[in-house]
C-alpha atoms as a PDB file:
ATOM      1  CA  MET A   1     176.460  83.936 174.843  1.00  0.00           C
ATOM      2  CA  LYS A   2     178.507  84.585 177.960  1.00  0.00           C
ATOM      3  CA  LYS A   3     175.383  85.436 179.954  1.00  0.00           C
ATOM      4  CA  ARG A   4     173.740  82.159 178.938  1.00  0.00           C
ATOM      5  CA  PHE A   5     176.830  80.206 179.996  1.00  0.00           C
ATOM      6  CA  ILE A   6     176.888  81.883 183.407  1.00  0.00           C
ATOM      7  CA  LEU A   7     173.176  81.215 183.955  1.00  0.00           C
ATOM      8  CA  THR A   8     173.605  77.568 182.972  1.00  0.00           C
ATOM      9  CA  ALA A   9     176.590  77.184 185.298  1.00  0.00           C
ATOM     10  CA  LEU A  10     174.640  78.728 188.182  1.00  0.00           C
ATOM     11  CA  PHE A  11     171.690  76.414 187.527  1.00  0.00           C
ATOM     12  CA  PHE A  12     173.894  73.324 187.703  1.00  0.00           C
ATOM     13  CA  LEU A  13     175.667  74.662 190.780  1.00  0.00           C
ATOM     14  CA  PHE A  14     172.388  75.067 192.663  1.00  0.00           C
ATOM     15  CA  ALA A  15     171.022  71.733 191.403  1.00  0.00           C
ATOM     16  CA  LEU A  16     174.106  69.844 192.603  1.00  0.00           C
ATOM     17  CA  GLY A  17     172.644  69.302 196.083  1.00  0.00           C
ATOM     18  CA  ASP A  18     169.572  67.571 194.702  1.00  0.00           C
ATOM     19  CA  ILE A  19     171.682  65.403 192.424  1.00  0.00           C
ATOM     20  CA  MET A  20     173.946  64.226 195.234  1.00  0.00           C
ATOM     21  CA  ALA A  21     170.930  63.477 197.465  1.00  0.00           C
ATOM     22  CA  GLN A  22     169.617  61.005 194.918  1.00  0.00           C
ATOM     23  CA  CYS A  23     172.869  59.058 194.991  1.00  0.00           C
ATOM     24  CA  ALA A  24     172.613  58.574 198.753  1.00  0.00           C
ATOM     25  CA  MET A  25     169.016  57.384 198.461  1.00  0.00           C
ATOM     26  CA  CYS A  26     169.872  54.825 195.775  1.00  0.00           C
ATOM     27  CA  ARG A  27     172.868  53.571 197.726  1.00  0.00           C
ATOM     28  CA  ALA A  28     170.758  53.110 200.866  1.00  0.00           C
ATOM     29  CA  THR A  29     168.023  51.252 198.976  1.00  0.00           C
ATOM     30  CA  VAL A  30     170.436  48.879 197.292  1.00  0.00           C
ATOM     31  CA  GLY A  31     172.369  48.306 200.511  1.00  0.00           C
ATOM     32  CA  SER A  32     169.246  47.390 202.478  1.00  0.00           C
ATOM     33  CA  ASN A  33     167.967  45.057 199.754  1.00  0.00           C
ATOM     34  CA  LEU A  34     171.305  43.284 199.370  1.00  0.00           C
ATOM     35  CA  SER A  35     171.583  42.765 203.136  1.00  0.00           C
ATOM     36  CA  GLU A  36     168.142  41.108 203.080  1.00  0.00           C
ATOM     37  CA  GLY A  37     169.233  38.742 200.310  1.00  0.00           C
ATOM     38  CA  ARG A  38     167.203  40.317 197.503  1.00  0.00           C
ATOM     39  CA  ASN A  39     169.206  41.312 194.432  1.00  0.00           C
ATOM     40  CA  THR A  40     166.397  42.286 192.060  1.00  0.00           C
ATOM     41  CA  ILE A  41     166.399  46.014 192.829  1.00  0.00           C
ATOM     42  CA  GLY A  42     170.186  46.192 192.577  1.00  0.00           C
ATOM     43  CA  THR A  43     170.107  44.606 189.134  1.00  0.00           C
ATOM     44  CA  GLY A  44     167.343  46.912 187.949  1.00  0.00           C
ATOM     45  CA  LEU A  45     169.167  49.924 189.327  1.00  0.00           C
ATOM     46  CA  ASN A  46     172.367  48.948 187.542  1.00  0.00           C
ATOM     47  CA  PHE A  47     170.445  48.582 184.280  1.00  0.00           C
ATOM     48  CA  GLY A  48     168.901  52.012 184.800  1.00  0.00           C
ATOM     49  CA  ILE A  49     172.305  53.575 185.413  1.00  0.00           C
ATOM     50  CA  LEU A  50     173.675  52.040 182.228  1.00  0.00           C
ATOM     51  CA  TYR A  51     170.625  53.249 180.306  1.00  0.00           C
ATOM     52  CA  LEU A  52     171.130  56.796 181.564  1.00  0.00           C
ATOM     53  CA  LEU A  53     174.823  56.585 180.711  1.00  0.00           C
ATOM     54  CA  VAL A  54     174.279  55.484 177.100  1.00  0.00           C
ATOM     55  CA  ILE A  55     171.501  57.896 176.070  1.00  0.00           C
ATOM     56  CA  PRO A  56     173.576  61.139 176.016  1.00  0.00           C
ATOM     57  CA  TYR A  57     176.356  59.467 174.011  1.00  0.00           C
ATOM     58  CA  LEU A  58     173.780  58.076 171.587  1.00  0.00           C
ATOM     59  CA  ILE A  59     172.170  61.487 171.082  1.00  0.00           C
ATOM     60  CA  VAL A  60     175.523  63.199 170.493  1.00  0.00           C
ATOM     61  CA  GLY A  61     176.671  60.390 168.181  1.00  0.00           C
ATOM     62  CA  LEU A  62     173.517  60.628 166.083  1.00  0.00           C
ATOM     63  CA  GLY A  63     173.870  64.400 165.896  1.00  0.00           C
ATOM     64  CA  VAL A  64     177.457  64.085 164.654  1.00  0.00           C
ATOM     65  CA  PHE A  65     176.449  61.385 162.171  1.00  0.00           C
ATOM     66  CA  PHE A  66     173.670  63.491 160.646  1.00  0.00           C
ATOM     67  CA  TYR A  67     175.883  66.588 160.557  1.00  0.00           C
ATOM     68  CA  ILE A  68     178.651  64.732 158.699  1.00  0.00           C
ATOM     69  CA  ARG A  69     176.147  63.187 156.292  1.00  0.00           C
ATOM     70  CA  ALA A  70     174.620  66.573 155.518  1.00  0.00           C
ATOM     71  CA  ALA A  71     178.075  68.104 155.043  1.00  0.00           C
ATOM     72  CA  LYS A  72     179.039  65.371 152.580  1.00  0.00           C
ATOM     73  CA  GLN A  73     175.822  65.917 150.613  1.00  0.00           C
ATOM     74  CA  ARG A  74     176.527  69.668 150.449  1.00  0.00           C
ATOM     75  CA  LEU A  75     180.042  68.968 149.166  1.00  0.00           C
ATOM     76  CA  LYS A  76     178.658  66.651 146.469  1.00  0.00           C
ATOM     77  CA  GLU A  77     176.126  69.271 145.361  1.00  0.00           C
ATOM     78  CA  HIS A  78     178.808  71.948 145.067  1.00  0.00           C
ATOM     79  CA  ALA A  79     181.155  69.632 143.191  1.00  0.00           C
ATOM     80  CA  VAL A  80     178.521  68.763 140.561  1.00  0.00           C
ATOM     81  CA  ILE A  81     177.692  72.381 139.764  1.00  0.00           C
END
């Protein structure tokens, strides 16, 4: 378990440079489009950021929901017997 955690931490540490590079590219694209008077890419980019923000919370929320539902069903089955 500890080995897996260390490997995961190292992976994210080495991937951090690539992640930060993407932010600079997006910022430059939006800045150049806004200075030219076009706002369509900025709006689409903001929608994409919100989409990427919501998906992990949705996945975790659904996982918790199904876990709680299964736990309640197990409690009902044990109470009947």
